[in-house]
Amino acid sequence: MMNKKGQTLISFVIILPVFILFLAFIVDTGMLLKEKNKLNGTTKTIIKNSYQKRFENDYQDQIIDSFEKNKIPTHHLILEVQNETISVANEYEIESIFGQIIGIENYKIHLNMTFQVNQDKIILKKE
């Protein structure tokens, strides 16, 4: 019988880094999806809960405060209220943990939503 300990060690040394990179990719992708879902869900909730106040002077400030309370950056937040339509656009970056291994320092999160007010109900028209 031949000794196969050396072959096993070589296989382990080759496969281990690939496996670690794969797990790192899964963790980063999970973080990105979690943040995107948080932004989408928070935006829908904020707009639906505050649409009755859309004609007040400080409506946009109230929306910005709501985003900031939920720890969502508002540097690039664009909120447009026209007649019965509310448009929200936001963009920000989150830091990559494992993407830095392959040169990705940040991931960009984008949001574009349009809501239509119809008979005192707010409906997501376009995402």
C-alpha atoms as a PDB file:
ATOM      1  CA  MET A   1       0.000   0.000   0.000  1.00  0.00           C
ATOM      2  CA  MET A   2       1.212   3.467  -0.847  1.00  0.00           C
ATOM      3  CA  ASN A   3       1.251   6.337   1.622  1.00  0.00           C
ATOM      4  CA  LYS A   4      -1.375   8.949   0.545  1.00  0.00           C
ATOM      5  CA  LYS A   5      -0.838  11.476   3.348  1.00  0.00           C
ATOM      6  CA  GLY A   6       1.135  13.784   1.064  1.00  0.00           C
ATOM      7  CA  GLN A   7      -1.554  13.760  -1.611  1.00  0.00           C
ATOM      8  CA  THR A   8      -4.222  14.570   0.948  1.00  0.00           C
ATOM      9  CA  LEU A   9      -2.176  17.471   2.324  1.00  0.00           C
ATOM     10  CA  ILE A  10      -1.620  18.929  -1.147  1.00  0.00           C
ATOM     11  CA  SER A  11      -5.342  18.652  -1.951  1.00  0.00           C
ATOM     12  CA  PHE A  12      -6.223  20.323   1.350  1.00  0.00           C
ATOM     13  CA  VAL A  13      -3.768  23.184   0.770  1.00  0.00           C
ATOM     14  CA  ILE A  14      -5.182  23.818  -2.700  1.00  0.00           C
ATOM     15  CA  ILE A  15      -8.875  23.538  -1.791  1.00  0.00           C
ATOM     16  CA  LEU A  16      -8.828  25.462   1.526  1.00  0.00           C
ATOM     17  CA  PRO A  17      -8.164  28.974   0.076  1.00  0.00           C
ATOM     18  CA  VAL A  18     -10.806  28.451  -2.610  1.00  0.00           C
ATOM     19  CA  PHE A  19     -13.298  27.355   0.042  1.00  0.00           C
ATOM     20  CA  ILE A  20     -12.477  30.378   2.232  1.00  0.00           C
ATOM     21  CA  LEU A  21     -12.933  32.773  -0.712  1.00  0.00           C
ATOM     22  CA  PHE A  22     -16.266  31.132  -1.517  1.00  0.00           C
ATOM     23  CA  LEU A  23     -17.467  31.564   2.077  1.00  0.00           C
ATOM     24  CA  ALA A  24     -16.265  35.183   2.093  1.00  0.00           C
ATOM     25  CA  PHE A  25     -18.239  35.829  -1.106  1.00  0.00           C
ATOM     26  CA  ILE A  26     -21.348  34.351   0.509  1.00  0.00           C
ATOM     27  CA  VAL A  27     -20.946  36.552   3.611  1.00  0.00           C
ATOM     28  CA  ASP A  28     -20.461  39.730   1.545  1.00  0.00           C
ATOM     29  CA  THR A  29     -23.417  38.894  -0.700  1.00  0.00           C
ATOM     30  CA  GLY A  30     -25.567  38.277   2.367  1.00  0.00           C
ATOM     31  CA  MET A  31     -24.561  41.646   3.832  1.00  0.00           C
ATOM     32  CA  LEU A  32     -25.374  43.382   0.558  1.00  0.00           C
ATOM     33  CA  LEU A  33     -28.796  41.730   0.252  1.00  0.00           C
ATOM     34  CA  LYS A  34     -29.615  42.456   3.893  1.00  0.00           C
ATOM     35  CA  GLU A  35     -28.799  46.143   3.450  1.00  0.00           C
ATOM     36  CA  LYS A  36     -30.760  46.357   0.179  1.00  0.00           C
ATOM     37  CA  ASN A  37     -33.811  44.725   1.788  1.00  0.00           C
ATOM     38  CA  LYS A  38     -33.506  47.039   4.781  1.00  0.00           C
ATOM     39  CA  LEU A  39     -33.456  50.083   2.477  1.00  0.00           C
ATOM     40  CA  ASN A  40     -36.437  48.855   0.421  1.00  0.00           C
ATOM     41  CA  GLY A  41     -38.543  47.873   3.411  1.00  0.00           C
ATOM     42  CA  THR A  42     -37.747  51.007   5.395  1.00  0.00           C
ATOM     43  CA  THR A  43     -38.521  53.243   2.429  1.00  0.00           C
ATOM     44  CA  LYS A  44     -41.894  51.575   1.830  1.00  0.00           C
ATOM     45  CA  THR A  45     -42.793  51.806   5.510  1.00  0.00           C
ATOM     46  CA  ILE A  46     -41.728  55.444   5.861  1.00  0.00           C
ATOM     47  CA  ILE A  47     -43.601  56.592   2.765  1.00  0.00           C
ATOM     48  CA  LYS A  48     -46.765  54.614   3.581  1.00  0.00           C
ATOM     49  CA  ASN A  49     -46.813  55.841   7.181  1.00  0.00           C
ATOM     50  CA  SER A  50     -46.224  59.487   6.288  1.00  0.00           C
ATOM     51  CA  TYR A  51     -48.153  60.014   3.053  1.00  0.00           C
ATOM     52  CA  GLN A  52     -50.947  61.909   4.843  1.00  0.00           C
ATOM     53  CA  LYS A  53     -48.405  64.589   5.774  1.00  0.00           C
ATOM     54  CA  ARG A  54     -47.111  64.998   2.195  1.00  0.00           C
ATOM     55  CA  PHE A  55     -48.529  68.526   1.815  1.00  0.00           C
ATOM     56  CA  GLU A  56     -46.932  69.872   4.991  1.00  0.00           C
ATOM     57  CA  ASN A  57     -43.981  72.246   4.659  1.00  0.00           C
ATOM     58  CA  ASP A  58     -41.556  70.050   6.606  1.00  0.00           C
ATOM     59  CA  TYR A  59     -42.562  66.764   4.940  1.00  0.00           C
ATOM     60  CA  GLN A  60     -39.134  66.168   3.424  1.00  0.00           C
ATOM     61  CA  ASP A  61     -37.429  66.916   6.745  1.00  0.00           C
ATOM     62  CA  GLN A  62     -39.695  64.379   8.455  1.00  0.00           C
ATOM     63  CA  ILE A  63     -38.776  61.768   5.846  1.00  0.00           C
ATOM     64  CA  ILE A  64     -35.059  62.491   6.235  1.00  0.00           C
ATOM     65  CA  ASP A  65     -35.362  62.229  10.017  1.00  0.00           C
ATOM     66  CA  SER A  66     -37.124  58.872   9.646  1.00  0.00           C
ATOM     67  CA  PHE A  67     -34.326  57.535   7.438  1.00  0.00           C
ATOM     68  CA  GLU A  68     -31.683  58.775   9.858  1.00  0.00           C
ATOM     69  CA  LYS A  69     -33.486  57.165  12.812  1.00  0.00           C
ATOM     70  CA  ASN A  70     -33.268  53.891  10.897  1.00  0.00           C
ATOM     71  CA  LYS A  71     -29.535  54.476  10.274  1.00  0.00           C
ATOM     72  CA  ILE A  72     -29.878  54.891   6.523  1.00  0.00           C
ATOM     73  CA  PRO A  73     -27.621  57.555   4.972  1.00  0.00           C
ATOM     74  CA  THR A  74     -29.458  60.454   3.320  1.00  0.00           C
ATOM     75  CA  HIS A  75     -26.595  62.245   1.563  1.00  0.00           C
ATOM     76  CA  HIS A  76     -27.981  61.367  -1.875  1.00  0.00           C
ATOM     77  CA  LEU A  77     -31.666  61.094  -0.962  1.00  0.00           C
ATOM     78  CA  ILE A  78     -33.993  62.651  -3.534  1.00  0.00           C
ATOM     79  CA  LEU A  79     -37.653  62.989  -2.625  1.00  0.00           C
ATOM     80  CA  GLU A  80     -40.146  64.446  -5.094  1.00  0.00           C
ATOM     81  CA  VAL A  81     -43.812  65.006  -4.300  1.00  0.00           C
ATOM     82  CA  GLN A  82     -45.953  65.933  -7.307  1.00  0.00           C
ATOM     83  CA  ASN A  83     -49.740  65.833  -7.207  1.00  0.00           C
ATOM     84  CA  GLU A  84     -50.527  62.211  -6.366  1.00  0.00           C
ATOM     85  CA  THR A  85     -47.056  60.786  -6.998  1.00  0.00           C
ATOM     86  CA  ILE A  86     -44.144  60.411  -4.580  1.00  0.00           C
ATOM     87  CA  SER A  87     -40.736  59.489  -5.992  1.00  0.00           C
ATOM     88  CA  VAL A  88     -37.841  58.410  -3.813  1.00  0.00           C
ATOM     89  CA  ALA A  89     -34.257  57.833  -4.919  1.00  0.00           C
ATOM     90  CA  ASN A  90     -31.348  57.062  -2.654  1.00  0.00           C
ATOM     91  CA  GLU A  91     -27.817  55.823  -3.070  1.00  0.00           C
ATOM     92  CA  TYR A  92     -25.070  55.031  -0.615  1.00  0.00           C
ATOM     93  CA  GLU A  93     -22.137  52.717  -0.079  1.00  0.00           C
ATOM     94  CA  ILE A  94     -21.464  50.026   2.482  1.00  0.00           C
ATOM     95  CA  GLU A  95     -18.000  48.799   3.275  1.00  0.00           C
ATOM     96  CA  SER A  96     -16.959  45.417   1.971  1.00  0.00           C
ATOM     97  CA  ILE A  97     -15.442  43.008   4.445  1.00  0.00           C
ATOM     98  CA  PHE A  98     -14.057  40.266   2.262  1.00  0.00           C
ATOM     99  CA  GLY A  99     -14.339  41.978  -1.121  1.00  0.00           C
ATOM    100  CA  GLN A 100     -11.147  43.853  -0.298  1.00  0.00           C
ATOM    101  CA  ILE A 101      -9.287  40.617  -0.994  1.00  0.00           C
ATOM    102  CA  ILE A 102     -10.165  40.987  -4.675  1.00  0.00           C
ATOM    103  CA  GLY A 103     -10.099  44.791  -4.753  1.00  0.00           C
ATOM    104  CA  ILE A 104     -13.708  45.717  -3.946  1.00  0.00           C
ATOM    105  CA  GLU A 105     -13.669  48.220  -1.090  1.00  0.00           C
ATOM    106  CA  ASN A 106     -17.341  49.306  -1.133  1.00  0.00           C
ATOM    107  CA  TYR A 107     -20.651  48.127  -2.484  1.00  0.00           C
ATOM    108  CA  LYS A 108     -23.156  50.672  -3.805  1.00  0.00           C
ATOM    109  CA  ILE A 109     -26.801  50.388  -2.845  1.00  0.00           C
ATOM    110  CA  HIS A 110     -29.323  52.058  -5.200  1.00  0.00           C
ATOM    111  CA  LEU A 111     -33.017  52.697  -4.728  1.00  0.00           C
ATOM    112  CA  ASN A 112     -35.613  54.153  -7.076  1.00  0.00           C
ATOM    113  CA  MET A 113     -39.264  53.895  -6.075  1.00  0.00           C
ATOM    114  CA  THR A 114     -42.383  55.655  -7.254  1.00  0.00           C
ATOM    115  CA  PHE A 115     -45.565  55.613  -5.207  1.00  0.00           C
ATOM    116  CA  GLN A 116     -49.029  56.526  -6.456  1.00  0.00           C
ATOM    117  CA  VAL A 117     -51.674  57.885  -4.085  1.00  0.00           C
ATOM    118  CA  ASN A 118     -55.073  56.527  -5.017  1.00  0.00           C
ATOM    119  CA  GLN A 119     -58.189  57.084  -2.869  1.00  0.00           C
ATOM    120  CA  ASP A 120     -56.203  57.605   0.349  1.00  0.00           C
ATOM    121  CA  LYS A 121     -54.119  54.518  -0.302  1.00  0.00           C
ATOM    122  CA  ILE A 122     -50.521  54.563  -1.355  1.00  0.00           C
ATOM    123  CA  ILE A 123     -49.476  51.992  -3.944  1.00  0.00           C
ATOM    124  CA  LEU A 124     -45.959  51.138  -5.044  1.00  0.00           C
ATOM    125  CA  LYS A 125     -46.090  51.936  -8.754  1.00  0.00           C
ATOM    126  CA  LYS A 126     -42.523  51.292  -9.827  1.00  0.00           C
ATOM    127  CA  GLU A 127     -39.521  49.816  -8.088  1.00  0.00           C
END
